[in-house]
């Protein structure tokens, strides 16, 4: 459930909430809307929802409390390379060891997988080889499924 939530749920733009439970309710609603969890079964999934909230809090800097923190100088947005590296690093743990270091087409171990990566990259030109490999693994080698996953998880 946690992995599905990380793959499919989208962190909200708002970064401050009165309590962690408010953010957890948003995560829960997305899980129900995506049909990853049945309405009315929150207690059975509470631990996974809390884990997603903790991951998002660490990754995206969500804050909690009754008073919104005073605005500071806006931080520079992360570069596309930094966002890509962080996203790949977060999901690398799920890749098989032989594919975890595929950063260029030369690193892709088979010709079949390399041609599928090239196809996906030709349609999703901003995506790295690593993300294309990951998307293909998640979609059981189906380029259409990989493109769909990349579209849902890109930011």
N, C-alpha and C. Protein backbone atom coordinates (compact mmCIF):
# COMPACT_ATOMS: atom_id res chain seq x y z
N UNK A 1 0.83 -1.19 0.00
CA UNK A 1 0.00 0.00 0.00
C UNK A 1 0.87 1.25 0.00
N UNK A 2 1.93 1.26 0.83
CA UNK A 2 2.81 2.43 0.90
C UNK A 2 3.40 2.74 -0.46
N UNK A 3 3.93 1.73 -1.13
CA UNK A 3 4.54 1.95 -2.45
C UNK A 3 3.52 2.46 -3.46
N UNK A 4 2.32 1.92 -3.43
CA UNK A 4 1.28 2.39 -4.34
C UNK A 4 0.94 3.85 -4.05
N UNK A 5 0.87 4.20 -2.78
CA UNK A 5 0.56 5.58 -2.41
C UNK A 5 1.66 6.51 -2.89
N UNK A 6 2.93 6.12 -2.71
CA UNK A 6 4.05 6.96 -3.16
C UNK A 6 4.01 7.10 -4.67
N UNK A 7 3.65 6.03 -5.38
CA UNK A 7 3.60 6.08 -6.84
C UNK A 7 2.47 6.94 -7.37
N UNK A 8 1.29 6.85 -6.75
CA UNK A 8 0.10 7.42 -7.35
C UNK A 8 -0.40 8.71 -6.71
N UNK A 9 -0.17 8.90 -5.43
CA UNK A 9 -0.69 10.10 -4.76
C UNK A 9 0.21 11.30 -5.08
N UNK A 10 -0.40 12.46 -5.11
CA UNK A 10 0.31 13.69 -5.46
C UNK A 10 0.34 14.60 -4.24
N UNK A 11 1.54 14.99 -3.79
CA UNK A 11 1.62 15.89 -2.65
C UNK A 11 0.95 17.22 -2.98
N UNK A 12 0.17 17.76 -2.03
CA UNK A 12 -0.50 19.04 -2.29
C UNK A 12 0.49 20.20 -2.33
N UNK A 13 0.10 21.28 -2.98
CA UNK A 13 0.95 22.46 -3.06
C UNK A 13 1.09 23.14 -1.70
N UNK A 14 0.01 23.14 -0.94
CA UNK A 14 0.04 23.77 0.39
C UNK A 14 1.01 23.01 1.28
N UNK A 15 1.89 23.71 1.98
CA UNK A 15 2.93 23.06 2.77
C UNK A 15 2.74 23.16 4.28
N UNK A 16 1.72 23.87 4.76
CA UNK A 16 1.51 24.01 6.20
C UNK A 16 0.09 23.57 6.56
N UNK A 17 0.00 22.76 7.61
CA UNK A 17 -1.29 22.25 8.09
C UNK A 17 -1.35 22.40 9.60
N UNK A 18 -2.57 22.52 10.12
CA UNK A 18 -2.76 22.67 11.57
C UNK A 18 -2.24 21.45 12.32
N UNK A 19 -2.39 20.28 11.74
CA UNK A 19 -1.91 19.07 12.40
C UNK A 19 -1.53 18.03 11.34
N UNK A 20 -0.71 17.05 11.71
CA UNK A 20 -0.37 15.99 10.77
C UNK A 20 -1.60 15.23 10.28
N UNK A 21 -2.62 15.14 11.13
CA UNK A 21 -3.83 14.42 10.75
C UNK A 21 -4.52 15.06 9.55
N UNK A 22 -4.43 16.40 9.45
CA UNK A 22 -5.05 17.07 8.29
C UNK A 22 -4.42 16.61 6.98
N UNK A 23 -3.10 16.50 6.96
CA UNK A 23 -2.41 16.02 5.77
C UNK A 23 -2.73 14.54 5.53
N UNK A 24 -2.80 13.77 6.60
CA UNK A 24 -3.13 12.34 6.46
C UNK A 24 -4.52 12.16 5.85
N UNK A 25 -5.46 13.03 6.20
CA UNK A 25 -6.80 12.92 5.63
C UNK A 25 -6.78 13.21 4.12
N UNK A 26 -5.91 14.14 3.69
CA UNK A 26 -5.78 14.40 2.25
C UNK A 26 -5.19 13.19 1.54
N UNK A 27 -4.20 12.56 2.16
CA UNK A 27 -3.60 11.35 1.59
C UNK A 27 -4.65 10.25 1.50
N UNK A 28 -5.39 10.06 2.59
CA UNK A 28 -6.43 9.03 2.62
C UNK A 28 -7.46 9.26 1.52
N UNK A 29 -7.89 10.50 1.34
CA UNK A 29 -8.89 10.79 0.32
C UNK A 29 -8.36 10.45 -1.07
N UNK A 30 -7.08 10.73 -1.31
CA UNK A 30 -6.50 10.36 -2.61
C UNK A 30 -6.50 8.85 -2.79
N UNK A 31 -6.15 8.11 -1.72
CA UNK A 31 -6.14 6.65 -1.81
C UNK A 31 -7.52 6.11 -2.13
N UNK A 32 -8.54 6.68 -1.50
CA UNK A 32 -9.91 6.25 -1.77
C UNK A 32 -10.31 6.63 -3.19
N UNK A 33 -10.01 7.86 -3.60
CA UNK A 33 -10.36 8.32 -4.95
C UNK A 33 -9.67 7.48 -6.03
N UNK A 34 -8.44 7.05 -5.75
CA UNK A 34 -7.70 6.22 -6.71
C UNK A 34 -8.06 4.74 -6.61
N UNK A 35 -8.98 4.42 -5.68
CA UNK A 35 -9.43 3.06 -5.44
C UNK A 35 -8.31 2.14 -4.99
N UNK A 36 -7.36 2.72 -4.26
CA UNK A 36 -6.29 1.92 -3.67
C UNK A 36 -6.67 1.46 -2.27
N UNK A 37 -7.72 2.07 -1.72
CA UNK A 37 -8.22 1.70 -0.40
C UNK A 37 -9.73 1.92 -0.38
N UNK A 38 -10.46 1.04 0.32
CA UNK A 38 -11.92 1.21 0.38
C UNK A 38 -12.33 2.25 1.42
N UNK A 39 -13.31 3.05 1.08
CA UNK A 39 -13.85 4.05 2.00
C UNK A 39 -14.29 3.35 3.28
N UNK A 40 -14.03 3.96 4.42
CA UNK A 40 -14.48 3.40 5.68
C UNK A 40 -13.51 2.44 6.34
N UNK A 41 -12.35 2.20 5.75
CA UNK A 41 -11.37 1.27 6.30
C UNK A 41 -10.08 1.99 6.71
N UNK A 42 -10.20 3.23 7.13
CA UNK A 42 -9.02 4.04 7.46
C UNK A 42 -8.15 3.38 8.52
N UNK A 43 -8.77 2.84 9.56
CA UNK A 43 -7.98 2.26 10.66
C UNK A 43 -7.04 1.17 10.18
N UNK A 44 -7.48 0.36 9.22
CA UNK A 44 -6.64 -0.72 8.72
C UNK A 44 -5.44 -0.19 7.94
N UNK A 45 -5.54 1.03 7.42
CA UNK A 45 -4.48 1.59 6.59
C UNK A 45 -3.78 2.77 7.26
N UNK A 46 -4.11 3.05 8.51
CA UNK A 46 -3.58 4.24 9.20
C UNK A 46 -2.05 4.26 9.25
N UNK A 47 -1.43 3.12 9.49
CA UNK A 47 0.03 3.07 9.59
C UNK A 47 0.68 3.43 8.24
N UNK A 48 0.12 2.94 7.14
CA UNK A 48 0.68 3.25 5.83
C UNK A 48 0.47 4.72 5.48
N UNK A 49 -0.70 5.26 5.82
CA UNK A 49 -0.98 6.67 5.55
C UNK A 49 -0.01 7.55 6.35
N UNK A 50 0.23 7.17 7.60
CA UNK A 50 1.17 7.93 8.43
C UNK A 50 2.58 7.86 7.84
N UNK A 51 2.97 6.70 7.33
CA UNK A 51 4.30 6.55 6.72
C UNK A 51 4.43 7.43 5.48
N UNK A 52 3.36 7.52 4.67
CA UNK A 52 3.39 8.40 3.49
C UNK A 52 3.53 9.84 3.95
N UNK A 53 2.76 10.23 4.97
CA UNK A 53 2.84 11.60 5.49
C UNK A 53 4.25 11.90 5.99
N UNK A 54 4.88 10.97 6.69
CA UNK A 54 6.24 11.18 7.17
C UNK A 54 7.23 11.32 6.01
N UNK A 55 7.07 10.49 4.98
CA UNK A 55 7.94 10.60 3.80
C UNK A 55 7.77 11.95 3.13
N UNK A 56 6.53 12.37 2.94
CA UNK A 56 6.26 13.66 2.32
C UNK A 56 6.79 14.80 3.17
N UNK A 57 6.63 14.69 4.48
CA UNK A 57 7.12 15.75 5.38
C UNK A 57 8.62 15.90 5.24
N UNK A 58 9.33 14.77 5.20
CA UNK A 58 10.79 14.81 5.06
C UNK A 58 11.21 15.28 3.68
N UNK A 59 10.50 14.84 2.66
CA UNK A 59 10.88 15.16 1.28
C UNK A 59 10.47 16.57 0.87
N UNK A 60 9.24 16.96 1.21
CA UNK A 60 8.69 18.22 0.71
C UNK A 60 8.60 19.33 1.75
N UNK A 61 8.99 19.05 3.00
CA UNK A 61 9.04 20.09 4.02
C UNK A 61 7.70 20.56 4.54
N UNK A 62 6.72 19.66 4.68
CA UNK A 62 5.44 20.05 5.27
C UNK A 62 5.67 20.45 6.72
N UNK A 63 4.91 21.46 7.18
CA UNK A 63 4.99 21.90 8.57
C UNK A 63 3.61 21.82 9.18
N UNK A 64 3.60 21.76 10.52
CA UNK A 64 2.34 21.61 11.24
C UNK A 64 2.33 22.54 12.44
N UNK A 65 1.16 23.01 12.81
CA UNK A 65 0.99 23.87 13.96
C UNK A 65 -0.15 24.84 13.72
N UNK A 66 -0.60 25.49 14.81
CA UNK A 66 -1.76 26.36 14.69
C UNK A 66 -1.43 27.67 13.98
N UNK A 67 -0.17 28.08 14.01
CA UNK A 67 0.22 29.33 13.37
C UNK A 67 1.20 29.01 12.25
N UNK A 68 0.91 29.57 11.10
CA UNK A 68 1.80 29.36 9.97
C UNK A 68 3.12 30.06 10.24
N UNK A 69 4.24 29.41 9.94
CA UNK A 69 5.53 30.04 10.21
C UNK A 69 5.67 31.35 9.42
N UNK A 70 6.40 32.31 10.00
CA UNK A 70 6.58 33.58 9.28
C UNK A 70 7.31 33.34 7.96
N UNK A 71 6.91 34.07 6.95
CA UNK A 71 7.57 33.85 5.66
C UNK A 71 9.03 34.29 5.72
N UNK A 72 9.86 33.46 5.18
CA UNK A 72 11.27 33.82 5.07
C UNK A 72 11.56 34.07 3.60
N UNK A 73 12.77 34.42 3.34
CA UNK A 73 13.14 34.65 1.94
C UNK A 73 12.84 33.36 1.17
N UNK A 74 12.18 33.49 0.05
CA UNK A 74 11.83 32.28 -0.69
C UNK A 74 13.09 31.52 -1.11
N UNK A 75 13.05 30.24 -0.86
CA UNK A 75 14.18 29.40 -1.24
C UNK A 75 14.15 29.21 -2.76
N UNK A 76 15.31 29.13 -3.30
CA UNK A 76 15.39 28.89 -4.74
C UNK A 76 14.84 27.50 -5.03
N UNK A 77 14.04 27.37 -6.05
CA UNK A 77 13.51 26.04 -6.36
C UNK A 77 14.65 25.12 -6.76
N UNK A 78 14.51 23.83 -6.43
CA UNK A 78 15.58 22.90 -6.81
C UNK A 78 15.70 22.81 -8.32
N UNK A 79 16.90 22.59 -8.76
CA UNK A 79 17.12 22.47 -10.20
C UNK A 79 16.47 21.17 -10.69
N UNK A 80 16.17 21.10 -11.98
CA UNK A 80 15.59 19.85 -12.51
C UNK A 80 16.50 18.65 -12.25
N UNK A 81 17.80 18.86 -12.31
CA UNK A 81 18.74 17.76 -12.05
C UNK A 81 18.63 17.29 -10.60
N UNK A 82 18.50 18.24 -9.67
CA UNK A 82 18.38 17.89 -8.26
C UNK A 82 17.08 17.15 -8.00
N UNK A 83 15.96 17.65 -8.57
CA UNK A 83 14.69 16.96 -8.38
C UNK A 83 14.74 15.56 -8.95
N UNK A 84 15.33 15.42 -10.11
CA UNK A 84 15.44 14.10 -10.75
C UNK A 84 16.29 13.17 -9.90
N UNK A 85 17.42 13.65 -9.43
CA UNK A 85 18.30 12.83 -8.60
C UNK A 85 17.60 12.39 -7.32
N UNK A 86 16.89 13.31 -6.67
CA UNK A 86 16.17 12.98 -5.44
C UNK A 86 15.06 11.96 -5.69
N UNK A 87 14.32 12.16 -6.78
CA UNK A 87 13.22 11.25 -7.10
C UNK A 87 13.77 9.85 -7.40
N UNK A 88 14.83 9.78 -8.18
CA UNK A 88 15.41 8.48 -8.52
C UNK A 88 15.99 7.84 -7.27
N UNK A 89 16.65 8.62 -6.42
CA UNK A 89 17.24 8.07 -5.20
C UNK A 89 16.17 7.49 -4.29
N UNK A 90 15.03 8.17 -4.20
CA UNK A 90 13.95 7.69 -3.34
C UNK A 90 13.40 6.36 -3.83
N UNK A 91 13.38 6.14 -5.12
CA UNK A 91 12.78 4.94 -5.67
C UNK A 91 13.79 3.88 -6.07
N UNK A 92 15.10 4.19 -6.04
CA UNK A 92 16.12 3.23 -6.43
C UNK A 92 16.08 1.97 -5.58
N UNK A 93 15.67 2.09 -4.34
CA UNK A 93 15.67 0.94 -3.46
C UNK A 93 14.79 -0.19 -3.97
N UNK A 94 13.84 0.12 -4.84
CA UNK A 94 12.95 -0.90 -5.35
C UNK A 94 13.47 -1.55 -6.63
N UNK A 95 14.49 -1.00 -7.24
CA UNK A 95 15.01 -1.55 -8.49
C UNK A 95 15.91 -2.74 -8.21
N UNK A 96 15.91 -3.74 -9.09
CA UNK A 96 16.88 -4.82 -8.96
C UNK A 96 18.30 -4.25 -9.04
N UNK A 97 19.21 -4.88 -8.33
CA UNK A 97 20.58 -4.36 -8.24
C UNK A 97 21.22 -4.16 -9.62
N UNK A 98 20.94 -5.07 -10.56
CA UNK A 98 21.57 -4.96 -11.89
C UNK A 98 21.07 -3.75 -12.68
N UNK A 99 19.94 -3.17 -12.28
CA UNK A 99 19.39 -2.03 -13.02
C UNK A 99 19.44 -0.73 -12.23
N UNK A 100 19.85 -0.81 -10.99
CA UNK A 100 19.83 0.38 -10.13
C UNK A 100 20.80 1.46 -10.60
N UNK A 101 21.82 1.08 -11.35
CA UNK A 101 22.82 2.07 -11.78
C UNK A 101 22.72 2.41 -13.26
N UNK A 102 21.59 2.17 -13.87
CA UNK A 102 21.40 2.50 -15.29
C UNK A 102 21.21 4.01 -15.42
N UNK A 103 22.27 4.73 -15.73
CA UNK A 103 22.18 6.17 -15.87
C UNK A 103 22.27 6.60 -17.34
N UNK A 104 22.87 5.74 -18.17
CA UNK A 104 22.98 6.03 -19.60
C UNK A 104 22.49 4.79 -20.36
N UNK A 105 22.26 4.96 -21.64
CA UNK A 105 21.82 3.82 -22.45
C UNK A 105 22.86 2.70 -22.47
N UNK A 106 24.13 3.07 -22.35
CA UNK A 106 25.19 2.05 -22.33
C UNK A 106 25.10 1.18 -21.09
N UNK A 107 24.49 1.67 -20.02
CA UNK A 107 24.36 0.91 -18.78
C UNK A 107 23.22 -0.11 -18.83
N UNK A 108 22.30 0.04 -19.77
CA UNK A 108 21.14 -0.86 -19.86
C UNK A 108 21.63 -2.22 -20.35
N UNK A 109 21.33 -3.30 -19.61
CA UNK A 109 21.98 -4.58 -19.88
C UNK A 109 21.52 -5.33 -21.13
N UNK A 110 20.29 -5.13 -21.60
CA UNK A 110 19.83 -5.91 -22.76
C UNK A 110 19.42 -4.99 -23.90
N UNK A 111 19.54 -5.51 -25.11
CA UNK A 111 19.15 -4.73 -26.29
C UNK A 111 17.65 -4.45 -26.29
N UNK A 112 16.86 -5.43 -25.87
CA UNK A 112 15.40 -5.24 -25.85
C UNK A 112 15.01 -4.11 -24.91
N UNK A 113 15.57 -4.13 -23.69
CA UNK A 113 15.25 -3.07 -22.73
C UNK A 113 15.78 -1.72 -23.22
N UNK A 114 16.97 -1.72 -23.82
CA UNK A 114 17.55 -0.48 -24.34
C UNK A 114 16.65 0.13 -25.42
N UNK A 115 16.11 -0.71 -26.32
CA UNK A 115 15.25 -0.16 -27.38
C UNK A 115 13.95 0.38 -26.79
N UNK A 116 13.42 -0.27 -25.75
CA UNK A 116 12.20 0.24 -25.11
C UNK A 116 12.49 1.56 -24.38
N UNK A 117 13.66 1.65 -23.75
CA UNK A 117 14.04 2.90 -23.08
C UNK A 117 14.16 4.01 -24.11
N UNK A 118 14.77 3.71 -25.25
CA UNK A 118 14.90 4.72 -26.31
C UNK A 118 13.53 5.17 -26.81
N UNK A 119 12.60 4.23 -26.96
CA UNK A 119 11.25 4.57 -27.40
C UNK A 119 10.57 5.48 -26.38
N UNK A 120 10.62 5.11 -25.11
CA UNK A 120 9.99 5.92 -24.07
C UNK A 120 10.64 7.29 -24.01
N UNK A 121 11.96 7.33 -24.08
CA UNK A 121 12.65 8.63 -24.02
C UNK A 121 12.33 9.49 -25.23
N UNK A 122 12.10 8.89 -26.38
CA UNK A 122 11.78 9.70 -27.55
C UNK A 122 10.43 10.40 -27.38
N UNK A 123 9.54 9.79 -26.60
CA UNK A 123 8.23 10.39 -26.36
C UNK A 123 8.20 11.24 -25.09
N UNK A 124 9.08 10.95 -24.17
CA UNK A 124 9.15 11.67 -22.89
C UNK A 124 10.58 12.21 -22.77
N UNK A 125 10.91 13.17 -23.62
CA UNK A 125 12.30 13.60 -23.79
C UNK A 125 12.95 14.21 -22.55
N UNK A 126 12.19 14.60 -21.57
CA UNK A 126 12.79 15.18 -20.36
C UNK A 126 13.15 14.13 -19.32
N UNK A 127 12.76 12.89 -19.55
CA UNK A 127 12.98 11.84 -18.56
C UNK A 127 14.37 11.21 -18.74
N UNK A 128 14.96 10.87 -17.61
CA UNK A 128 16.28 10.25 -17.62
C UNK A 128 16.17 8.77 -17.97
N UNK A 129 17.29 8.19 -18.31
CA UNK A 129 17.34 6.76 -18.60
C UNK A 129 16.91 5.99 -17.35
N UNK A 130 17.38 6.43 -16.19
CA UNK A 130 17.05 5.74 -14.93
C UNK A 130 15.55 5.69 -14.71
N UNK A 131 14.86 6.81 -14.90
CA UNK A 131 13.40 6.82 -14.69
C UNK A 131 12.69 6.00 -15.75
N UNK A 132 13.19 6.01 -16.99
CA UNK A 132 12.56 5.21 -18.03
C UNK A 132 12.72 3.71 -17.72
N UNK A 133 13.89 3.31 -17.24
CA UNK A 133 14.10 1.91 -16.85
C UNK A 133 13.14 1.56 -15.73
N UNK A 134 13.07 2.42 -14.75
CA UNK A 134 12.18 2.17 -13.61
C UNK A 134 10.72 2.07 -14.06
N UNK A 135 10.31 2.97 -14.93
CA UNK A 135 8.93 2.96 -15.41
C UNK A 135 8.65 1.67 -16.19
N UNK A 136 9.59 1.24 -16.99
CA UNK A 136 9.39 -0.01 -17.73
C UNK A 136 9.30 -1.21 -16.79
N UNK A 137 10.10 -1.21 -15.73
CA UNK A 137 10.01 -2.30 -14.77
C UNK A 137 8.66 -2.30 -14.07
N UNK A 138 8.17 -1.11 -13.73
CA UNK A 138 6.88 -1.00 -13.04
C UNK A 138 5.72 -1.41 -13.95
N UNK A 139 5.90 -1.27 -15.25
CA UNK A 139 4.82 -1.59 -16.19
C UNK A 139 5.06 -2.92 -16.89
N UNK A 140 5.92 -3.75 -16.32
CA UNK A 140 6.22 -5.07 -16.89
C UNK A 140 6.69 -5.00 -18.35
N UNK A 141 7.47 -3.97 -18.66
CA UNK A 141 8.04 -3.83 -19.99
C UNK A 141 7.15 -3.20 -21.03
N UNK A 142 5.98 -2.73 -20.63
CA UNK A 142 5.04 -2.12 -21.57
C UNK A 142 5.34 -0.63 -21.70
N UNK A 143 5.80 -0.17 -22.87
CA UNK A 143 6.13 1.25 -23.03
C UNK A 143 4.95 2.19 -22.75
N UNK A 144 3.73 1.79 -23.13
CA UNK A 144 2.57 2.65 -22.85
C UNK A 144 2.35 2.81 -21.35
N UNK A 145 2.47 1.71 -20.63
CA UNK A 145 2.33 1.76 -19.17
C UNK A 145 3.45 2.60 -18.55
N UNK A 146 4.65 2.50 -19.12
CA UNK A 146 5.78 3.28 -18.61
C UNK A 146 5.54 4.77 -18.83
N UNK A 147 5.03 5.13 -19.99
CA UNK A 147 4.74 6.53 -20.29
C UNK A 147 3.66 7.05 -19.36
N UNK A 148 2.65 6.23 -19.11
CA UNK A 148 1.59 6.61 -18.18
C UNK A 148 2.15 6.85 -16.78
N UNK A 149 2.99 5.94 -16.30
CA UNK A 149 3.58 6.08 -14.96
C UNK A 149 4.46 7.33 -14.89
N UNK A 150 5.26 7.55 -15.91
CA UNK A 150 6.12 8.73 -15.92
C UNK A 150 5.29 10.01 -15.90
N UNK A 151 4.21 10.04 -16.65
CA UNK A 151 3.33 11.20 -16.66
C UNK A 151 2.70 11.47 -15.31
N UNK A 152 2.34 10.40 -14.60
CA UNK A 152 1.72 10.56 -13.28
C UNK A 152 2.72 10.96 -12.21
N UNK A 153 3.98 10.55 -12.35
CA UNK A 153 4.94 10.79 -11.27
C UNK A 153 5.91 11.93 -11.54
N UNK A 154 5.88 12.52 -12.71
CA UNK A 154 6.79 13.63 -12.98
C UNK A 154 6.29 14.89 -12.31
N UNK A 155 7.21 15.75 -11.95
CA UNK A 155 6.83 17.00 -11.28
C UNK A 155 7.50 18.16 -11.94
